[in-house]
Amino acid sequence: MYTPQHFKVTDQEKVLAFIRHNAFGQLISLLDGKLFSSHIPFYLENEGAFLVGHMAKKNPQWMGLEEQELLVTFQGPHDYISPSWYDSPGVPTWNYQAVHVYGRAELITTPNKLGNIVDKLTKIYESSFESSWAPEYKESMLNAIVGIKIQITEIQCKYKLSQNRSEKDRQQVIEQLKERGSAQLSTVMKDEL
């Protein structure tokens, strides 16, 4: 990913926290010579050494995953930035947060290991709900999925949040985003000042 130095994030803990908070990733690989993408939730394992998730067995993408380098992208809040919000001259642009993770996959097909993946994802995302899904249904679903464990080889992180602008311009962008309903990006920018 093209990342000018002033947009680059190298703090490993900050990057891993971003992935945990924006864990719905886009898994990109080659399938029959064409790029193929699946959107799936992931979790980090072994202090950020691995990304783990699963996909449907009917999804053909899993069949060639072990034979190639993979890319998983994660995105945070984003929005259009108008140059009319600046005191000094500027151009229309987009502010955003993005992480690109590269690695190699191991496929998980044994029921016990698949169950562990599903249990971990369920614990992360279902814990705030009163009743969980039926255990007998879970068992039948394990036959319909393939687990993916990606050993991370490289992480690139970019926060393009107007760092190339003056502090006054950045404050004005924060206010405009907030007024226009982009509170999440506004908050992220404020936290990064």
N, C-alpha and C. Protein backbone atom coordinates (compact mmCIF):
# COMPACT_ATOMS: atom_id res chain seq x y z
N MET A 1 0.86 -1.18 0.00
CA MET A 1 0.00 0.00 0.00
C MET A 1 0.90 1.23 0.00
N TYR A 2 0.59 2.18 -0.86
CA TYR A 2 1.35 3.42 -0.90
C TYR A 2 1.09 4.19 0.40
N THR A 3 2.16 4.48 1.14
CA THR A 3 2.01 5.14 2.44
C THR A 3 3.11 6.16 2.66
N PRO A 4 2.85 7.45 2.41
CA PRO A 4 3.84 8.47 2.76
C PRO A 4 4.16 8.39 4.26
N GLN A 5 5.37 8.77 4.60
CA GLN A 5 5.86 8.62 5.97
C GLN A 5 4.93 9.25 7.02
N HIS A 6 4.36 10.42 6.72
CA HIS A 6 3.52 11.10 7.72
C HIS A 6 2.17 10.41 7.94
N PHE A 7 1.82 9.42 7.11
CA PHE A 7 0.58 8.65 7.31
C PHE A 7 0.84 7.25 7.86
N LYS A 8 2.11 6.87 7.96
CA LYS A 8 2.49 5.51 8.36
C LYS A 8 2.36 5.33 9.87
N VAL A 9 1.77 4.20 10.28
CA VAL A 9 1.66 3.84 11.70
C VAL A 9 2.53 2.61 11.91
N THR A 10 3.49 2.73 12.84
CA THR A 10 4.42 1.63 13.08
C THR A 10 4.30 1.06 14.49
N ASP A 11 3.53 1.68 15.34
CA ASP A 11 3.33 1.18 16.71
C ASP A 11 2.54 -0.13 16.64
N GLN A 12 3.21 -1.25 16.91
CA GLN A 12 2.61 -2.57 16.76
C GLN A 12 1.35 -2.75 17.60
N GLU A 13 1.36 -2.28 18.84
CA GLU A 13 0.18 -2.43 19.70
C GLU A 13 -1.01 -1.65 19.15
N LYS A 14 -0.73 -0.47 18.63
CA LYS A 14 -1.79 0.36 18.03
C LYS A 14 -2.39 -0.34 16.80
N VAL A 15 -1.53 -0.93 15.99
CA VAL A 15 -1.98 -1.62 14.78
C VAL A 15 -2.82 -2.85 15.15
N LEU A 16 -2.36 -3.63 16.12
CA LEU A 16 -3.12 -4.82 16.53
C LEU A 16 -4.46 -4.43 17.16
N ALA A 17 -4.47 -3.34 17.92
CA ALA A 17 -5.73 -2.85 18.50
C ALA A 17 -6.70 -2.44 17.39
N PHE A 18 -6.17 -1.82 16.34
CA PHE A 18 -7.01 -1.44 15.19
C PHE A 18 -7.64 -2.68 14.56
N ILE A 19 -6.84 -3.72 14.35
CA ILE A 19 -7.37 -4.96 13.75
C ILE A 19 -8.45 -5.55 14.65
N ARG A 20 -8.21 -5.59 15.95
CA ARG A 20 -9.22 -6.14 16.87
C ARG A 20 -10.53 -5.36 16.80
N HIS A 21 -10.43 -4.05 16.67
CA HIS A 21 -11.61 -3.18 16.66
C HIS A 21 -12.33 -3.18 15.31
N ASN A 22 -11.60 -3.50 14.24
CA ASN A 22 -12.15 -3.50 12.87
C ASN A 22 -11.92 -4.86 12.24
N ALA A 23 -12.36 -5.91 12.92
CA ALA A 23 -11.96 -7.28 12.61
C ALA A 23 -12.67 -7.91 11.41
N PHE A 24 -13.59 -7.21 10.79
CA PHE A 24 -14.26 -7.74 9.61
C PHE A 24 -13.37 -7.44 8.41
N GLY A 25 -12.57 -8.42 8.00
CA GLY A 25 -11.57 -8.19 6.98
C GLY A 25 -11.99 -8.66 5.61
N GLN A 26 -11.22 -8.24 4.64
CA GLN A 26 -11.42 -8.64 3.25
C GLN A 26 -10.23 -9.51 2.86
N LEU A 27 -10.46 -10.82 2.71
CA LEU A 27 -9.42 -11.78 2.34
C LEU A 27 -9.31 -11.80 0.82
N ILE A 28 -8.11 -11.50 0.31
CA ILE A 28 -7.90 -11.38 -1.13
C ILE A 28 -6.83 -12.39 -1.56
N SER A 29 -7.16 -13.16 -2.59
CA SER A 29 -6.22 -14.16 -3.12
C SER A 29 -6.49 -14.34 -4.61
N LEU A 30 -5.69 -15.19 -5.22
CA LEU A 30 -5.92 -15.56 -6.61
C LEU A 30 -6.70 -16.86 -6.66
N LEU A 31 -7.68 -16.91 -7.54
CA LEU A 31 -8.46 -18.12 -7.77
C LEU A 31 -8.62 -18.26 -9.28
N ASP A 32 -8.07 -19.31 -9.82
CA ASP A 32 -8.12 -19.54 -11.27
C ASP A 32 -7.59 -18.34 -12.06
N GLY A 33 -6.51 -17.74 -11.56
CA GLY A 33 -5.86 -16.64 -12.26
C GLY A 33 -6.52 -15.28 -12.10
N LYS A 34 -7.59 -15.20 -11.31
CA LYS A 34 -8.29 -13.92 -11.08
C LYS A 34 -8.27 -13.59 -9.59
N LEU A 35 -8.28 -12.31 -9.27
CA LEU A 35 -8.40 -11.90 -7.87
C LEU A 35 -9.77 -12.29 -7.35
N PHE A 36 -9.80 -12.76 -6.12
CA PHE A 36 -11.05 -13.19 -5.48
C PHE A 36 -11.03 -12.66 -4.06
N SER A 37 -12.17 -12.21 -3.58
CA SER A 37 -12.25 -11.60 -2.26
C SER A 37 -13.43 -12.15 -1.48
N SER A 38 -13.20 -12.36 -0.19
CA SER A 38 -14.28 -12.76 0.73
C SER A 38 -14.21 -11.87 1.96
N HIS A 39 -15.34 -11.46 2.45
CA HIS A 39 -15.42 -10.63 3.64
C HIS A 39 -15.75 -11.53 4.82
N ILE A 40 -14.83 -11.62 5.78
CA ILE A 40 -15.04 -12.51 6.92
C ILE A 40 -14.46 -11.90 8.19
N PRO A 41 -15.02 -12.27 9.35
CA PRO A 41 -14.46 -11.79 10.62
C PRO A 41 -13.22 -12.61 10.99
N PHE A 42 -12.25 -11.93 11.55
CA PHE A 42 -11.02 -12.56 12.01
C PHE A 42 -10.79 -12.25 13.48
N TYR A 43 -9.93 -13.02 14.10
CA TYR A 43 -9.37 -12.65 15.40
C TYR A 43 -7.87 -12.90 15.36
N LEU A 44 -7.15 -12.20 16.21
CA LEU A 44 -5.70 -12.35 16.30
C LEU A 44 -5.37 -13.44 17.30
N GLU A 45 -4.30 -14.17 17.02
CA GLU A 45 -3.87 -15.25 17.91
C GLU A 45 -2.36 -15.13 18.11
N ASN A 46 -1.89 -15.62 19.26
CA ASN A 46 -0.46 -15.62 19.59
C ASN A 46 0.15 -14.22 19.49
N GLU A 47 -0.45 -13.27 20.18
CA GLU A 47 0.04 -11.89 20.25
C GLU A 47 0.25 -11.26 18.88
N GLY A 48 -0.64 -11.57 17.96
CA GLY A 48 -0.59 -10.94 16.64
C GLY A 48 0.23 -11.68 15.62
N ALA A 49 0.61 -12.93 15.89
CA ALA A 49 1.38 -13.71 14.92
C ALA A 49 0.48 -14.33 13.85
N PHE A 50 -0.82 -14.51 14.18
CA PHE A 50 -1.75 -15.17 13.27
C PHE A 50 -3.08 -14.43 13.22
N LEU A 51 -3.72 -14.48 12.04
CA LEU A 51 -5.12 -14.10 11.87
C LEU A 51 -5.90 -15.39 11.69
N VAL A 52 -7.04 -15.51 12.38
CA VAL A 52 -7.82 -16.74 12.32
C VAL A 52 -9.27 -16.40 12.00
N GLY A 53 -9.88 -17.19 11.12
CA GLY A 53 -11.29 -17.04 10.78
C GLY A 53 -11.78 -18.30 10.09
N HIS A 54 -12.92 -18.21 9.46
CA HIS A 54 -13.44 -19.36 8.70
C HIS A 54 -14.34 -18.88 7.58
N MET A 55 -14.56 -19.76 6.61
CA MET A 55 -15.47 -19.45 5.51
C MET A 55 -16.25 -20.71 5.14
N ALA A 56 -17.30 -20.53 4.38
CA ALA A 56 -18.13 -21.65 3.94
C ALA A 56 -17.34 -22.56 3.00
N LYS A 57 -17.54 -23.86 3.15
CA LYS A 57 -16.91 -24.81 2.23
C LYS A 57 -17.37 -24.60 0.79
N LYS A 58 -18.56 -24.06 0.62
CA LYS A 58 -19.07 -23.81 -0.73
C LYS A 58 -18.36 -22.63 -1.40
N ASN A 59 -17.65 -21.82 -0.61
CA ASN A 59 -16.88 -20.71 -1.15
C ASN A 59 -15.60 -21.30 -1.77
N PRO A 60 -15.42 -21.20 -3.09
CA PRO A 60 -14.27 -21.85 -3.73
C PRO A 60 -12.92 -21.24 -3.36
N GLN A 61 -12.91 -20.09 -2.74
CA GLN A 61 -11.64 -19.40 -2.46
C GLN A 61 -10.70 -20.24 -1.59
N TRP A 62 -11.23 -21.02 -0.67
CA TRP A 62 -10.38 -21.74 0.28
C TRP A 62 -9.49 -22.78 -0.40
N MET A 63 -9.89 -23.27 -1.56
CA MET A 63 -9.19 -24.40 -2.17
C MET A 63 -7.74 -24.11 -2.58
N GLY A 64 -7.40 -22.89 -2.87
CA GLY A 64 -6.02 -22.59 -3.26
C GLY A 64 -5.27 -21.72 -2.27
N LEU A 65 -5.81 -21.51 -1.10
CA LEU A 65 -5.22 -20.55 -0.17
C LEU A 65 -3.83 -20.94 0.32
N GLU A 66 -3.57 -22.22 0.50
CA GLU A 66 -2.28 -22.64 1.07
C GLU A 66 -1.12 -22.49 0.09
N GLU A 67 -1.40 -22.25 -1.16
CA GLU A 67 -0.37 -22.24 -2.19
C GLU A 67 0.10 -20.84 -2.57
N GLN A 68 -0.29 -19.82 -1.84
CA GLN A 68 0.03 -18.45 -2.26
C GLN A 68 0.09 -17.48 -1.08
N GLU A 69 0.69 -16.32 -1.36
CA GLU A 69 0.66 -15.24 -0.37
C GLU A 69 -0.73 -14.61 -0.42
N LEU A 70 -1.26 -14.29 0.75
CA LEU A 70 -2.60 -13.71 0.86
C LEU A 70 -2.51 -12.28 1.35
N LEU A 71 -3.55 -11.53 1.07
CA LEU A 71 -3.71 -10.17 1.58
C LEU A 71 -5.05 -10.08 2.28
N VAL A 72 -5.02 -9.58 3.51
CA VAL A 72 -6.26 -9.30 4.24
C VAL A 72 -6.25 -7.81 4.56
N THR A 73 -7.32 -7.11 4.17
CA THR A 73 -7.40 -5.67 4.44
C THR A 73 -8.46 -5.41 5.51
N PHE A 74 -8.17 -4.42 6.33
CA PHE A 74 -9.10 -3.97 7.36
C PHE A 74 -9.26 -2.47 7.22
N GLN A 75 -10.48 -1.99 7.38
CA GLN A 75 -10.76 -0.57 7.19
C GLN A 75 -11.46 0.00 8.40
N GLY A 76 -11.07 1.21 8.76
CA GLY A 76 -11.73 1.94 9.82
C GLY A 76 -12.66 2.98 9.22
N PRO A 77 -13.04 3.98 10.01
CA PRO A 77 -13.92 5.02 9.49
C PRO A 77 -13.23 5.81 8.37
N HIS A 78 -14.04 6.34 7.46
CA HIS A 78 -13.50 7.09 6.32
C HIS A 78 -14.56 8.09 5.86
N ASP A 79 -14.10 9.14 5.18
CA ASP A 79 -15.05 10.11 4.63
C ASP A 79 -14.33 11.08 3.70
N TYR A 80 -15.14 11.72 2.87
CA TYR A 80 -14.68 12.76 1.95
C TYR A 80 -14.28 14.00 2.74
N ILE A 81 -13.21 14.66 2.28
CA ILE A 81 -12.73 15.90 2.90
C ILE A 81 -12.73 16.99 1.83
N SER A 82 -13.51 18.03 2.05
CA SER A 82 -13.62 19.13 1.09
C SER A 82 -12.51 20.16 1.34
N PRO A 83 -11.89 20.68 0.27
CA PRO A 83 -10.89 21.73 0.46
C PRO A 83 -11.49 23.03 0.99
N SER A 84 -12.81 23.16 0.91
CA SER A 84 -13.46 24.37 1.43
C SER A 84 -13.36 24.43 2.96
N TRP A 85 -12.96 23.34 3.59
CA TRP A 85 -12.84 23.31 5.05
C TRP A 85 -11.49 23.84 5.53
N TYR A 86 -10.56 24.12 4.60
CA TYR A 86 -9.22 24.57 4.96
C TYR A 86 -9.12 26.09 4.88
N ASP A 87 -8.22 26.66 5.66
CA ASP A 87 -7.87 28.07 5.54
C ASP A 87 -6.91 28.29 4.38
N SER A 88 -6.02 27.34 4.17
CA SER A 88 -5.04 27.44 3.10
C SER A 88 -5.50 26.59 1.91
N PRO A 89 -4.94 26.85 0.72
CA PRO A 89 -5.37 26.09 -0.46
C PRO A 89 -5.19 24.58 -0.28
N GLY A 90 -6.11 23.84 -0.87
CA GLY A 90 -6.05 22.38 -0.77
C GLY A 90 -6.84 21.75 -1.90
N VAL A 91 -6.86 20.45 -1.90
CA VAL A 91 -7.58 19.69 -2.94
C VAL A 91 -8.58 18.76 -2.27
N PRO A 92 -9.62 18.34 -3.00
CA PRO A 92 -10.53 17.34 -2.44
C PRO A 92 -9.75 16.06 -2.14
N THR A 93 -10.10 15.40 -1.05
CA THR A 93 -9.39 14.17 -0.68
C THR A 93 -10.30 13.28 0.16
N TRP A 94 -9.74 12.23 0.69
CA TRP A 94 -10.46 11.27 1.52
C TRP A 94 -9.59 10.96 2.72
N ASN A 95 -10.16 11.00 3.91
CA ASN A 95 -9.44 10.58 5.12
C ASN A 95 -9.91 9.19 5.50
N TYR A 96 -8.98 8.37 5.98
CA TYR A 96 -9.31 6.98 6.30
C TYR A 96 -8.22 6.33 7.13
N GLN A 97 -8.56 5.16 7.64
CA GLN A 97 -7.61 4.27 8.32
C GLN A 97 -7.67 2.93 7.60
N ALA A 98 -6.51 2.34 7.36
CA ALA A 98 -6.47 1.04 6.69
C ALA A 98 -5.27 0.24 7.17
N VAL A 99 -5.46 -1.07 7.25
CA VAL A 99 -4.37 -1.99 7.56
C VAL A 99 -4.38 -3.09 6.50
N HIS A 100 -3.19 -3.40 5.99
CA HIS A 100 -3.01 -4.51 5.06
C HIS A 100 -2.13 -5.55 5.73
N VAL A 101 -2.62 -6.78 5.79
CA VAL A 101 -1.89 -7.88 6.41
C VAL A 101 -1.56 -8.90 5.32
N TYR A 102 -0.30 -9.27 5.24
CA TYR A 102 0.15 -10.29 4.30
C TYR A 102 0.53 -11.55 5.06
N GLY A 103 0.31 -12.70 4.45
CA GLY A 103 0.69 -13.94 5.11
C GLY A 103 0.36 -15.17 4.30
N ARG A 104 0.60 -16.31 4.93
CA ARG A 104 0.33 -17.61 4.32
C ARG A 104 -0.64 -18.38 5.20
N ALA A 105 -1.55 -19.10 4.56
CA ALA A 105 -2.63 -19.76 5.29
C ALA A 105 -2.38 -21.24 5.52
N GLU A 106 -2.90 -21.68 6.63
CA GLU A 106 -3.06 -23.11 6.93
C GLU A 106 -4.56 -23.33 7.02
N LEU A 107 -5.05 -24.35 6.34
CA LEU A 107 -6.49 -24.65 6.39
C LEU A 107 -6.77 -25.57 7.56
N ILE A 108 -7.85 -25.30 8.26
CA ILE A 108 -8.26 -26.09 9.43
C ILE A 108 -9.55 -26.82 9.06
N THR A 109 -9.52 -28.15 9.11
CA THR A 109 -10.70 -28.93 8.73
C THR A 109 -11.14 -29.93 9.80
N THR A 110 -10.34 -30.13 10.83
CA THR A 110 -10.72 -31.09 11.87
C THR A 110 -11.80 -30.48 12.75
N PRO A 111 -12.83 -31.25 13.10
CA PRO A 111 -13.95 -30.72 13.88
C PRO A 111 -13.52 -30.06 15.19
N ASN A 112 -12.57 -30.63 15.90
CA ASN A 112 -12.14 -30.07 17.18
C ASN A 112 -11.54 -28.67 17.01
N LYS A 113 -10.64 -28.54 16.04
CA LYS A 113 -10.00 -27.23 15.80
C LYS A 113 -11.00 -26.22 15.23
N LEU A 114 -11.88 -26.68 14.34
CA LEU A 114 -12.93 -25.79 13.82
C LEU A 114 -13.83 -25.31 14.95
N GLY A 115 -14.17 -26.23 15.85
CA GLY A 115 -15.00 -25.87 17.00
C GLY A 115 -14.34 -24.79 17.85
N ASN A 116 -13.02 -24.89 18.01
CA ASN A 116 -12.29 -23.86 18.78
C ASN A 116 -12.37 -22.50 18.10
N ILE A 117 -12.25 -22.48 16.77
CA ILE A 117 -12.36 -21.21 16.03
C ILE A 117 -13.75 -20.61 16.21
N VAL A 118 -14.78 -21.43 16.02
CA VAL A 118 -16.16 -20.95 16.17
C VAL A 118 -16.41 -20.49 17.60
N ASP A 119 -15.91 -21.23 18.58
CA ASP A 119 -16.09 -20.84 19.99
C ASP A 119 -15.45 -19.49 20.27
N LYS A 120 -14.24 -19.28 19.75
CA LYS A 120 -13.53 -18.02 19.98
C LYS A 120 -14.29 -16.86 19.32
N LEU A 121 -14.72 -17.03 18.08
CA LEU A 121 -15.48 -15.96 17.41
C LEU A 121 -16.80 -15.70 18.12
N THR A 122 -17.44 -16.77 18.58
CA THR A 122 -18.71 -16.62 19.32
C THR A 122 -18.48 -15.87 20.61
N LYS A 123 -17.41 -16.19 21.31
CA LYS A 123 -17.10 -15.51 22.57
C LYS A 123 -16.87 -14.01 22.33
N ILE A 124 -16.20 -13.69 21.24
CA ILE A 124 -15.92 -12.29 20.92
C ILE A 124 -17.20 -11.52 20.56
N TYR A 125 -18.03 -12.11 19.71
CA TYR A 125 -19.14 -11.35 19.13
C TYR A 125 -20.51 -11.64 19.72
N GLU A 126 -20.69 -12.76 20.37
CA GLU A 126 -22.01 -13.15 20.86
C GLU A 126 -22.16 -12.93 22.36
N SER A 127 -21.07 -12.63 23.06
CA SER A 127 -21.09 -12.58 24.52
C SER A 127 -22.04 -11.52 25.09
N SER A 128 -22.35 -10.48 24.34
CA SER A 128 -23.23 -9.43 24.86
C SER A 128 -24.72 -9.74 24.67
N PHE A 129 -25.03 -10.87 24.03
CA PHE A 129 -26.42 -11.25 23.82
C PHE A 129 -26.87 -12.24 24.88
N GLU A 130 -28.17 -12.22 25.20
CA GLU A 130 -28.69 -13.05 26.28
C GLU A 130 -28.62 -14.54 26.00
N SER A 131 -29.05 -14.96 24.83
CA SER A 131 -29.01 -16.39 24.54
C SER A 131 -28.15 -16.64 23.32
N SER A 132 -27.37 -17.69 23.39
CA SER A 132 -26.49 -18.04 22.29
C SER A 132 -27.20 -19.00 21.35
N TRP A 133 -26.54 -19.40 20.30
CA TRP A 133 -27.14 -20.33 19.37
C TRP A 133 -27.08 -21.74 19.93
N ALA A 134 -27.92 -22.61 19.43
CA ALA A 134 -28.07 -23.97 19.95
C ALA A 134 -26.82 -24.80 19.65
N PRO A 135 -26.26 -25.49 20.68
CA PRO A 135 -25.05 -26.30 20.49
C PRO A 135 -25.20 -27.38 19.42
N GLU A 136 -26.38 -27.99 19.33
CA GLU A 136 -26.57 -29.04 18.32
C GLU A 136 -26.51 -28.47 16.90
N TYR A 137 -26.92 -27.22 16.73
CA TYR A 137 -26.84 -26.57 15.43
C TYR A 137 -25.38 -26.29 15.08
N LYS A 138 -24.61 -25.88 16.08
CA LYS A 138 -23.19 -25.60 15.88
C LYS A 138 -22.48 -26.84 15.33
N GLU A 139 -22.75 -27.98 15.91
CA GLU A 139 -22.09 -29.21 15.47
C GLU A 139 -22.36 -29.48 13.99
N SER A 140 -23.59 -29.28 13.55
CA SER A 140 -23.91 -29.54 12.14
C SER A 140 -23.25 -28.52 11.22
N MET A 141 -23.05 -27.31 11.71
CA MET A 141 -22.45 -26.26 10.88
C MET A 141 -20.95 -26.46 10.69
N LEU A 142 -20.29 -27.16 11.61
CA LEU A 142 -18.85 -27.38 11.48
C LEU A 142 -18.50 -28.13 10.20
N ASN A 143 -19.42 -28.95 9.72
CA ASN A 143 -19.19 -29.68 8.47
C ASN A 143 -19.29 -28.78 7.24
N ALA A 144 -19.80 -27.58 7.42
CA ALA A 144 -20.03 -26.69 6.28
C ALA A 144 -19.01 -25.56 6.18
N ILE A 145 -17.98 -25.57 7.05
CA ILE A 145 -17.00 -24.48 7.04
C ILE A 145 -15.57 -25.02 6.96
N VAL A 146 -14.67 -24.12 6.61
CA VAL A 146 -13.23 -24.39 6.61
C VAL A 146 -12.56 -23.29 7.42
N GLY A 147 -11.72 -23.67 8.37
CA GLY A 147 -10.98 -22.69 9.15
C GLY A 147 -9.76 -22.21 8.39
N ILE A 148 -9.37 -20.97 8.67
CA ILE A 148 -8.21 -20.36 8.02
C ILE A 148 -7.34 -19.76 9.12
N LYS A 149 -6.09 -20.18 9.16
CA LYS A 149 -5.12 -19.62 10.11
C LYS A 149 -3.97 -19.05 9.28
N ILE A 150 -3.86 -17.73 9.27
CA ILE A 150 -2.87 -17.05 8.44
C ILE A 150 -1.69 -16.62 9.30
N GLN A 151 -0.51 -17.15 8.97
CA GLN A 151 0.70 -16.70 9.64
C GLN A 151 1.09 -15.36 9.02
N ILE A 152 1.12 -14.33 9.85
CA ILE A 152 1.37 -12.97 9.37
C ILE A 152 2.85 -12.80 9.05
N THR A 153 3.13 -12.33 7.84
CA THR A 153 4.51 -12.06 7.43
C THR A 153 4.81 -10.57 7.34
N GLU A 154 3.78 -9.76 7.17
CA GLU A 154 3.97 -8.31 7.06
C GLU A 154 2.66 -7.60 7.36
N ILE A 155 2.78 -6.46 8.05
CA ILE A 155 1.61 -5.61 8.30
C ILE A 155 1.96 -4.19 7.88
N GLN A 156 1.07 -3.58 7.11
CA GLN A 156 1.20 -2.18 6.73
C GLN A 156 0.00 -1.44 7.29
N CYS A 157 0.24 -0.29 7.91
CA CYS A 157 -0.86 0.47 8.51
C CYS A 157 -0.76 1.93 8.08
N LYS A 158 -1.88 2.46 7.63
CA LYS A 158 -1.95 3.85 7.17
C LYS A 158 -3.14 4.54 7.81
N TYR A 159 -2.85 5.65 8.49
CA TYR A 159 -3.90 6.54 8.99
C TYR A 159 -3.75 7.84 8.21
N LYS A 160 -4.57 8.04 7.20
CA LYS A 160 -4.54 9.29 6.43
C LYS A 160 -5.59 10.21 7.04
N LEU A 161 -5.13 11.06 7.96
CA LEU A 161 -6.04 11.87 8.77
C LEU A 161 -5.65 13.35 8.74
N SER A 162 -5.27 13.83 7.59
CA SER A 162 -4.88 15.24 7.39
C SER A 162 -3.62 15.64 8.14
N GLN A 163 -2.72 14.67 8.41
CA GLN A 163 -1.48 15.00 9.12
C GLN A 163 -0.60 15.95 8.31
N ASN A 164 -0.82 16.05 7.01
CA ASN A 164 -0.05 16.95 6.15
C ASN A 164 -0.62 18.36 6.14
N ARG A 165 -1.63 18.61 6.92
CA ARG A 165 -2.26 19.94 7.01
C ARG A 165 -1.87 20.61 8.33
N SER A 166 -2.10 21.91 8.40
CA SER A 166 -1.82 22.64 9.65
C SER A 166 -2.77 22.16 10.75
N GLU A 167 -2.40 22.44 11.98
CA GLU A 167 -3.27 22.04 13.09
C GLU A 167 -4.64 22.74 12.99
N LYS A 168 -4.64 23.99 12.55
CA LYS A 168 -5.91 24.71 12.39
C LYS A 168 -6.79 24.03 11.34
N ASP A 169 -6.20 23.67 10.20
CA ASP A 169 -6.96 22.96 9.16
C ASP A 169 -7.50 21.64 9.69
N ARG A 170 -6.67 20.93 10.44
CA ARG A 170 -7.10 19.63 10.99
C ARG A 170 -8.28 19.82 11.95
N GLN A 171 -8.22 20.85 12.77
CA GLN A 171 -9.31 21.12 13.71
C GLN A 171 -10.60 21.43 12.94
N GLN A 172 -10.48 22.18 11.86
CA GLN A 172 -11.66 22.51 11.06
C GLN A 172 -12.24 21.26 10.39
N VAL A 173 -11.38 20.36 9.93
CA VAL A 173 -11.85 19.11 9.34
C VAL A 173 -12.58 18.29 10.40
N ILE A 174 -12.04 18.24 11.60
CA ILE A 174 -12.67 17.51 12.70
C ILE A 174 -14.08 18.05 12.96
N GLU A 175 -14.20 19.36 13.02
CA GLU A 175 -15.51 19.99 13.27
C GLU A 175 -16.49 19.73 12.13
N GLN A 176 -16.02 19.86 10.90
CA GLN A 176 -16.90 19.63 9.74
C GLN A 176 -17.38 18.18 9.69
N LEU A 177 -16.48 17.25 9.96
CA LEU A 177 -16.88 15.83 9.97
C LEU A 177 -17.93 15.57 11.05
N LYS A 178 -17.71 16.15 12.21
CA LYS A 178 -18.66 15.98 13.32
C LYS A 178 -20.03 16.54 12.94
N GLU A 179 -20.05 17.74 12.36
CA GLU A 179 -21.31 18.38 11.96
C GLU A 179 -22.04 17.59 10.88
N ARG A 180 -21.31 16.92 10.04
CA ARG A 180 -21.89 16.19 8.91
C ARG A 180 -22.20 14.73 9.24
N GLY A 181 -22.10 14.36 10.51
CA GLY A 181 -22.49 13.01 10.93
C GLY A 181 -21.40 11.96 10.85
N SER A 182 -20.17 12.38 10.66
CA SER A 182 -19.05 11.44 10.61
C SER A 182 -18.29 11.50 11.94
N ALA A 183 -19.04 11.27 13.02
CA ALA A 183 -18.49 11.43 14.37
C ALA A 183 -17.34 10.47 14.65
N GLN A 184 -17.43 9.25 14.13
CA GLN A 184 -16.38 8.26 14.41
C GLN A 184 -15.04 8.72 13.83
N LEU A 185 -15.02 9.17 12.58
CA LEU A 185 -13.79 9.66 11.98
C LEU A 185 -13.32 10.93 12.67
N SER A 186 -14.24 11.79 13.02
CA SER A 186 -13.91 13.01 13.75
C SER A 186 -13.20 12.68 15.07
N THR A 187 -13.72 11.70 15.78
CA THR A 187 -13.11 11.28 17.06
C THR A 187 -11.73 10.70 16.85
N VAL A 188 -11.59 9.86 15.83
CA VAL A 188 -10.28 9.27 15.52
C VAL A 188 -9.27 10.37 15.23
N MET A 189 -9.66 11.35 14.41
CA MET A 189 -8.75 12.45 14.09
C MET A 189 -8.37 13.23 15.33
N LYS A 190 -9.34 13.49 16.19
CA LYS A 190 -9.07 14.24 17.42
C LYS A 190 -8.09 13.47 18.31
N ASP A 191 -8.28 12.16 18.40
CA ASP A 191 -7.39 11.33 19.21
C ASP A 191 -5.97 11.28 18.65
N GLU A 192 -5.83 11.47 17.35
CA GLU A 192 -4.52 11.40 16.70
C GLU A 192 -3.80 12.75 16.65
N LEU A 193 -4.45 13.82 17.08
CA LEU A 193 -3.79 15.14 17.07
C LEU A 193 -2.58 15.17 17.97
